[in-house]
Amino acid sequence: MLIKSPIFDLIFKWSGWRLEGQVPSELHKSITIVCPHATWTDFPVGLGARSLMNMPIYFWGKKELFQGPFGWMFRWLGGYPVDRGKKSNLVDAIVDIYQANTEFHAVLAPEGTRKDVEELRTGFYYIAVKAQVPILMIGFDYVNKRIIIREPFTPSGDFEVDKLVIAKFFQGIPGVQKTWIKRYLA
């Protein structure tokens, strides 16, 4: 898997993006959530950020990304295909991946789509709770071209309480006007 790439570093920096915050070096496992999931450019911006962070962060994506002539590229970049339509215990399967590795970081967009949503998909939360890993929140500030990294958050096991922490962090990202944030903070 591609982790550190001078090409991604240069594209990220030349396009005017910058990182704010950092991931503690002693953090060996995490589930990373990124919001907003607003445009197809989230992916290349994320690759640049990952390269500058110099962390082996895998990602889950819809299985259709891994089909066809470019499927190999998404796998090479660290992707795991997910069948969102199939009724299976995906959370437990992902928890098994965390438990089988001494170091493992993976990212996903909990909105599940680039459209505005009223609720986050909660799989990331239950993965974190069951695997006993912190949630790393990263905000994409498209207004100021910043990737904002929050310190790791250890979930309590009560999503109704913890969703407030999540919504408050992402509410502070300029340009993010999401229905789910307004709803969670209401």
Protein backbone atom coordinates (compact mmCIF):
# COMPACT_ATOMS: atom_id res chain seq x y z
CA MET A 1 0.00 0.00 0.00
CA LEU A 2 1.14 3.49 -0.79
CA ILE A 3 1.77 5.49 2.39
CA LYS A 4 4.36 8.21 1.84
CA SER A 5 4.50 9.69 -1.64
CA PRO A 6 6.42 12.79 -2.71
CA ILE A 7 3.94 13.16 -5.57
CA PHE A 8 0.92 13.32 -3.23
CA ASP A 9 2.87 15.61 -0.87
CA LEU A 10 3.61 18.06 -3.69
CA ILE A 11 0.10 18.04 -5.12
CA PHE A 12 -1.35 18.60 -1.65
CA LYS A 13 1.00 21.50 -0.86
CA TRP A 14 0.93 23.09 -4.33
CA SER A 15 -2.85 23.11 -4.32
CA GLY A 16 -2.70 25.21 -1.14
CA TRP A 17 -3.84 22.66 1.44
CA ARG A 18 -2.29 22.35 4.90
CA LEU A 19 -2.60 20.09 7.93
CA GLU A 20 -3.62 21.41 11.34
CA GLY A 21 -3.15 19.13 14.31
CA GLN A 22 -1.41 15.81 14.41
CA VAL A 23 -1.97 12.21 15.33
CA PRO A 24 -0.09 11.12 18.46
CA SER A 25 2.84 8.88 17.51
CA GLU A 26 1.86 6.39 20.23
CA LEU A 27 -1.56 5.82 18.62
CA HIS A 28 -1.38 2.31 17.16
CA LYS A 29 -5.01 1.82 16.21
CA SER A 30 -7.90 4.10 15.32
CA ILE A 31 -11.03 4.41 13.27
CA THR A 32 -10.83 7.72 11.44
CA ILE A 33 -13.93 9.56 10.32
CA VAL A 34 -13.79 12.33 7.75
CA CYS A 35 -16.47 14.97 7.13
CA PRO A 36 -17.83 16.48 5.10
CA HIS A 37 -17.95 13.95 2.30
CA ALA A 38 -18.84 16.60 -0.22
CA THR A 39 -17.07 15.99 -3.52
CA TRP A 40 -15.00 13.50 -5.49
CA THR A 41 -11.93 15.61 -4.57
CA ASP A 42 -12.16 14.30 -1.00
CA PHE A 43 -10.23 11.24 -2.15
CA PRO A 44 -7.13 12.92 -3.65
CA VAL A 45 -7.05 15.50 -0.86
CA GLY A 46 -7.22 12.64 1.65
CA LEU A 47 -4.37 10.81 -0.08
CA GLY A 48 -2.24 13.95 0.18
CA ALA A 49 -3.07 14.38 3.85
CA ARG A 50 -2.34 10.71 4.57
CA SER A 51 1.02 10.99 2.83
CA LEU A 52 2.00 14.06 4.85
CA MET A 53 0.82 12.36 8.05
CA ASN A 54 3.04 9.40 7.03
CA MET A 55 0.53 6.93 8.46
CA PRO A 56 -0.65 3.65 6.98
CA ILE A 57 -4.34 4.52 6.92
CA TYR A 58 -6.55 2.08 5.01
CA PHE A 59 -10.01 2.97 3.76
CA TRP A 60 -13.33 1.26 3.12
CA GLY A 61 -15.19 2.08 -0.03
CA LYS A 62 -18.24 0.84 -1.87
CA LYS A 63 -17.46 -2.39 -3.71
CA GLU A 64 -18.21 -0.80 -7.08
CA LEU A 65 -15.00 1.26 -6.78
CA PHE A 66 -13.00 -1.97 -6.77
CA GLN A 67 -14.56 -3.38 -9.91
CA GLY A 68 -13.52 -2.66 -13.47
CA PRO A 69 -10.21 -1.43 -14.81
CA PHE A 70 -9.30 0.74 -11.80
CA GLY A 71 -10.12 -1.72 -9.02
CA TRP A 72 -6.45 -2.67 -8.64
CA MET A 73 -5.56 1.00 -8.01
CA PHE A 74 -8.00 1.39 -5.12
CA ARG A 75 -6.64 -1.81 -3.52
CA TRP A 76 -3.04 -0.61 -4.05
CA LEU A 77 -3.94 2.66 -2.35
CA GLY A 78 -5.12 0.74 0.72
CA GLY A 79 -8.78 0.13 0.02
CA TYR A 80 -11.09 -2.54 1.34
CA PRO A 81 -14.31 -3.10 -0.66
CA VAL A 82 -17.59 -3.01 1.27
CA ASP A 83 -20.89 -4.44 0.04
CA ARG A 84 -23.35 -1.98 1.56
CA GLY A 85 -26.40 -3.81 0.20
CA LYS A 86 -25.56 -7.24 1.58
CA LYS A 87 -26.92 -8.16 4.98
CA SER A 88 -23.83 -9.31 6.82
CA ASN A 89 -22.11 -8.51 10.06
CA LEU A 90 -19.62 -6.06 8.61
CA VAL A 91 -18.90 -4.47 12.01
CA ASP A 92 -17.73 -7.79 13.48
CA ALA A 93 -15.67 -8.58 10.38
CA ILE A 94 -13.89 -5.23 10.67
CA VAL A 95 -13.40 -5.66 14.43
CA ASP A 96 -11.66 -8.97 13.62
CA ILE A 97 -9.23 -7.05 11.37
CA TYR A 98 -8.41 -4.68 14.23
CA GLN A 99 -7.92 -7.54 16.68
CA ALA A 100 -5.65 -9.44 14.28
CA ASN A 101 -3.25 -6.48 13.92
CA THR A 102 -1.02 -4.72 16.44
CA GLU A 103 -1.30 -1.54 14.36
CA PHE A 104 -4.24 -0.66 12.17
CA HIS A 105 -5.81 2.63 11.12
CA ALA A 106 -8.74 2.91 8.73
CA VAL A 107 -10.83 5.81 7.49
CA LEU A 108 -14.36 6.19 6.26
CA ALA A 109 -16.93 8.88 5.61
CA PRO A 110 -19.73 8.23 8.11
CA GLU A 111 -22.18 10.26 6.02
CA GLY A 112 -22.04 7.37 3.54
CA THR A 113 -22.74 9.62 0.57
CA ARG A 114 -21.85 13.03 -0.80
CA LYS A 115 -25.48 14.11 -0.37
CA ASP A 116 -26.74 15.82 2.78
CA VAL A 117 -27.99 13.28 5.33
CA GLU A 118 -30.07 13.51 8.49
CA GLU A 119 -28.14 10.80 10.36
CA LEU A 120 -24.63 9.42 10.26
CA ARG A 121 -24.13 5.77 9.54
CA THR A 122 -23.12 4.38 12.92
CA GLY A 123 -20.98 1.42 11.91
CA PHE A 124 -17.78 3.38 12.62
CA TYR A 125 -18.96 3.99 16.17
CA TYR A 126 -19.73 0.34 16.91
CA ILE A 127 -16.43 -0.72 15.34
CA ALA A 128 -14.62 1.64 17.71
CA VAL A 129 -16.54 0.40 20.74
CA LYS A 130 -16.20 -3.32 19.94
CA ALA A 131 -12.54 -3.10 18.87
CA GLN A 132 -11.78 -0.73 21.76
CA VAL A 133 -10.07 1.81 19.52
CA PRO A 134 -10.36 5.59 19.59
CA ILE A 135 -12.15 7.63 16.96
CA LEU A 136 -9.94 10.09 15.11
CA MET A 137 -12.01 12.94 13.64
CA ILE A 138 -10.70 14.81 10.61
CA GLY A 139 -12.48 17.78 9.10
CA PHE A 140 -12.06 18.93 5.51
CA ASP A 141 -12.21 22.73 5.57
CA TYR A 142 -12.67 23.49 1.88
CA VAL A 143 -13.14 27.20 2.61
CA ASN A 144 -9.58 27.65 3.98
CA LYS A 145 -7.99 24.50 2.46
CA ARG A 146 -7.20 22.94 5.84
CA ILE A 147 -7.29 19.38 7.07
CA ILE A 148 -8.15 19.67 10.77
CA ILE A 149 -7.16 16.73 12.96
CA ARG A 150 -8.80 16.40 16.38
CA GLU A 151 -7.13 14.52 19.20
CA PRO A 152 -8.35 10.91 19.44
CA PHE A 153 -11.73 10.46 21.11
CA THR A 154 -12.53 7.36 23.17
CA PRO A 155 -16.22 6.53 22.80
CA SER A 156 -18.25 5.89 25.95
CA GLY A 157 -20.45 3.21 24.41
CA ASP A 158 -23.48 5.53 24.41
CA PHE A 159 -23.90 6.92 20.90
CA GLU A 160 -26.61 9.35 22.00
CA VAL A 161 -24.06 11.06 24.27
CA ASP A 162 -21.02 10.74 22.01
CA LYS A 163 -22.75 12.00 18.87
CA LEU A 164 -22.79 15.44 20.51
CA VAL A 165 -18.98 15.46 20.73
CA ILE A 166 -18.76 14.41 17.10
CA ALA A 167 -21.29 17.01 15.92
CA LYS A 168 -19.62 19.82 17.91
CA PHE A 169 -16.24 19.10 16.31
CA PHE A 170 -17.60 19.05 12.75
CA GLN A 171 -19.85 22.06 13.42
CA GLY A 172 -16.64 24.07 13.87
CA ILE A 173 -15.37 23.26 10.37
CA PRO A 174 -15.97 26.32 8.13
CA GLY A 175 -18.43 25.74 5.33
CA VAL A 176 -19.96 22.62 6.86
CA GLN A 177 -23.72 23.12 7.00
CA LYS A 178 -25.04 19.60 7.45
CA THR A 179 -28.52 18.51 8.46
CA TRP A 180 -27.15 15.75 10.71
CA ILE A 181 -25.12 18.27 12.76
CA LYS A 182 -28.13 20.54 13.30
CA ARG A 183 -30.23 17.54 14.23
CA TYR A 184 -27.68 16.09 16.69
CA LEU A 185 -27.19 19.44 18.42
CA ALA A 186 -30.90 20.33 18.58
